[in-house]
Protein backbone atom coordinates (compact mmCIF):
# COMPACT_ATOMS: atom_id res chain seq x y z
CA MET A 1 -138.57 60.11 -8.57
CA VAL A 2 -139.85 58.00 -11.46
CA HIS A 3 -137.24 55.61 -12.84
CA THR A 4 -137.51 54.98 -16.57
CA ILE A 5 -136.33 52.72 -19.36
CA GLY A 6 -136.59 54.48 -22.72
CA THR A 7 -137.01 52.97 -26.16
CA HIS A 8 -138.37 54.18 -29.49
CA ASN A 9 -142.04 54.61 -30.23
CA GLY A 10 -143.90 53.39 -33.30
CA LYS A 11 -143.65 49.76 -34.32
CA PHE A 12 -141.85 47.68 -31.74
CA HIS A 13 -139.28 45.05 -32.62
CA CYS A 14 -138.40 41.84 -30.88
CA ASP A 15 -134.99 43.07 -29.72
CA GLU A 16 -136.16 46.08 -27.70
CA ALA A 17 -139.23 44.22 -26.43
CA LEU A 18 -136.97 41.45 -25.10
CA ALA A 19 -134.43 43.97 -23.79
CA CYS A 20 -137.15 45.78 -21.82
CA PHE A 21 -138.55 42.48 -20.56
CA MET A 22 -135.14 41.32 -19.33
CA LEU A 23 -134.49 44.61 -17.55
CA LYS A 24 -137.92 44.60 -15.89
CA ARG A 25 -137.35 41.02 -14.66
CA LEU A 26 -134.31 42.16 -12.68
CA ASP A 27 -135.14 43.15 -9.12
CA ARG A 28 -133.19 46.42 -9.39
CA PHE A 29 -135.17 47.59 -12.45
CA SER A 30 -138.54 45.89 -11.81
CA LYS A 31 -140.30 49.11 -10.77
CA TYR A 32 -139.01 51.14 -13.71
CA SER A 33 -141.56 52.47 -16.19
CA ILE A 34 -141.05 52.07 -19.94
CA VAL A 35 -141.18 55.27 -21.99
CA ARG A 36 -141.58 55.03 -25.78
CA SER A 37 -140.52 58.12 -27.71
CA ARG A 38 -138.14 59.47 -30.32
CA GLU A 39 -138.04 62.92 -28.73
CA HIS A 40 -134.51 63.67 -27.53
CA SER A 41 -135.85 65.81 -24.68
CA VAL A 42 -137.87 62.84 -23.38
CA LEU A 43 -135.20 60.17 -23.91
CA GLU A 44 -132.35 62.12 -22.30
CA LYS A 45 -134.25 61.99 -18.98
CA CYS A 46 -134.43 58.17 -19.03
CA GLU A 47 -131.99 56.31 -16.82
CA ILE A 48 -131.69 53.46 -19.32
CA LEU A 49 -132.06 53.59 -23.11
CA VAL A 50 -132.45 50.56 -25.38
CA ASP A 51 -132.53 50.47 -29.18
CA VAL A 52 -132.57 54.26 -29.50
CA GLY A 53 -130.23 57.18 -28.94
CA GLY A 54 -127.31 56.23 -31.18
CA VAL A 55 -125.01 55.35 -28.27
CA TYR A 56 -123.70 52.16 -26.73
CA ASP A 57 -122.10 52.88 -23.37
CA HIS A 58 -122.71 50.43 -20.55
CA SER A 59 -121.36 52.87 -17.94
CA LYS A 60 -124.15 55.30 -18.92
CA LYS A 61 -126.78 52.57 -19.43
CA ARG A 62 -127.13 53.34 -23.15
CA TYR A 63 -127.74 50.27 -25.32
CA ASP A 64 -128.26 51.18 -28.96
CA HIS A 65 -126.79 49.25 -31.89
CA HIS A 66 -127.85 51.41 -34.83
CA GLN A 67 -124.87 53.75 -35.00
CA LYS A 68 -122.56 53.63 -38.02
CA GLY A 69 -119.67 51.24 -37.55
CA PHE A 70 -121.26 49.34 -34.66
CA ALA A 71 -119.70 45.88 -34.59
CA VAL A 72 -119.99 44.79 -30.95
CA THR A 73 -120.28 41.04 -30.41
CA MET A 74 -120.26 38.75 -27.40
CA ASP A 75 -116.67 37.94 -28.40
CA SER A 76 -115.53 41.57 -28.57
CA LEU A 77 -117.00 42.11 -25.09
CA GLY A 78 -115.18 39.04 -23.80
CA PHE A 79 -118.30 37.06 -22.90
CA LEU A 80 -118.64 34.32 -25.54
CA GLU A 81 -116.85 33.31 -28.72
CA THR A 82 -119.55 34.34 -31.20
CA THR A 83 -119.30 36.86 -34.01
CA THR A 84 -122.95 37.85 -34.45
CA LYS A 85 -123.42 41.60 -34.00
CA LEU A 86 -125.53 42.34 -30.95
CA SER A 87 -128.95 43.94 -31.02
CA SER A 88 -130.29 45.83 -28.01
CA ALA A 89 -131.44 42.47 -26.60
CA GLY A 90 -127.94 41.04 -26.96
CA LEU A 91 -126.39 44.10 -25.32
CA ILE A 92 -128.72 43.83 -22.33
CA TYR A 93 -128.15 40.08 -22.13
CA ALA A 94 -124.37 40.53 -22.29
CA HIS A 95 -124.34 42.88 -19.31
CA TYR A 96 -127.24 41.59 -17.23
CA GLY A 97 -127.86 38.02 -18.42
CA LYS A 98 -126.04 36.16 -15.66
CA GLN A 99 -127.81 38.16 -12.97
CA LEU A 100 -131.12 37.63 -14.76
CA ILE A 101 -130.57 33.86 -14.81
CA LYS A 102 -129.73 33.85 -11.09
CA GLU A 103 -132.84 35.85 -10.20
CA ILE A 104 -135.20 33.82 -12.37
CA LEU A 105 -133.90 30.50 -11.06
CA GLY A 106 -134.11 31.76 -7.51
CA VAL A 107 -131.77 29.09 -6.19
CA SER A 108 -128.02 28.98 -5.77
CA TYR A 109 -125.92 27.61 -8.58
CA ASP A 110 -122.18 27.93 -8.78
CA GLU A 111 -120.74 30.38 -11.30
CA LYS A 112 -119.71 27.54 -13.62
CA MET A 113 -123.34 26.43 -14.00
CA ILE A 114 -124.54 30.01 -14.47
CA ALA A 115 -121.93 30.40 -17.24
CA ILE A 116 -123.26 27.25 -18.93
CA PHE A 117 -126.86 28.51 -18.72
CA PHE A 118 -125.73 31.92 -20.02
CA ARG A 119 -123.97 30.39 -23.04
CA LYS A 120 -126.80 27.97 -23.89
CA LEU A 121 -129.52 30.60 -23.65
CA TYR A 122 -127.54 32.92 -25.88
CA GLN A 123 -126.78 30.23 -28.46
CA THR A 124 -130.31 28.81 -28.59
CA PHE A 125 -132.40 31.98 -28.32
CA ILE A 126 -130.86 35.44 -27.95
CA GLU A 127 -128.37 35.07 -30.81
CA ALA A 128 -131.19 34.46 -33.29
CA ILE A 129 -132.85 37.72 -32.24
CA ASP A 130 -129.54 39.54 -32.63
CA ALA A 131 -129.02 38.04 -36.08
CA VAL A 132 -132.52 38.70 -37.41
CA ASP A 133 -132.53 42.29 -36.13
CA ASN A 134 -129.17 42.93 -37.80
CA GLY A 135 -130.29 41.45 -41.13
CA ILE A 136 -128.18 38.31 -40.99
CA LYS A 137 -129.67 35.54 -43.10
CA GLN A 138 -130.57 32.26 -41.43
CA TYR A 139 -129.05 30.25 -44.25
CA ASP A 140 -127.05 30.59 -47.45
CA GLY A 141 -128.93 30.06 -50.70
CA LEU A 142 -132.63 29.38 -51.15
CA PRO A 143 -134.71 27.75 -48.45
CA ARG A 144 -135.57 24.12 -49.18
CA PHE A 145 -139.07 24.42 -47.68
């Protein structure tokens, strides 16, 4: 059986590219193939969907953020006190980020250190991708340079 991660075709965006990268870096998903399509019949066969499908449901491995009324944040999920709406990258990071950090580091750290790494990586990298993908401006007013 071929295991697949599905995302939309056409122009790719940073959020689904990063989401797919993070999933493929996890041992349990490393052998999964990435399928790019907008055809429902193709996507419904994928075990994981990111940035497509109109559904966010972790229990079903569906990670889209485009549906009307979507307002999921790290805070609403109980992970971090931030109010930036999550993109597909943020959704994947929220649910798999700590495991990803553990696997990339490859050495044992206590859960307190993993939580610090998780928070810092979100605040200094992932959150910006979430914000840009959701149309949140980097600053108020006109840029100075």
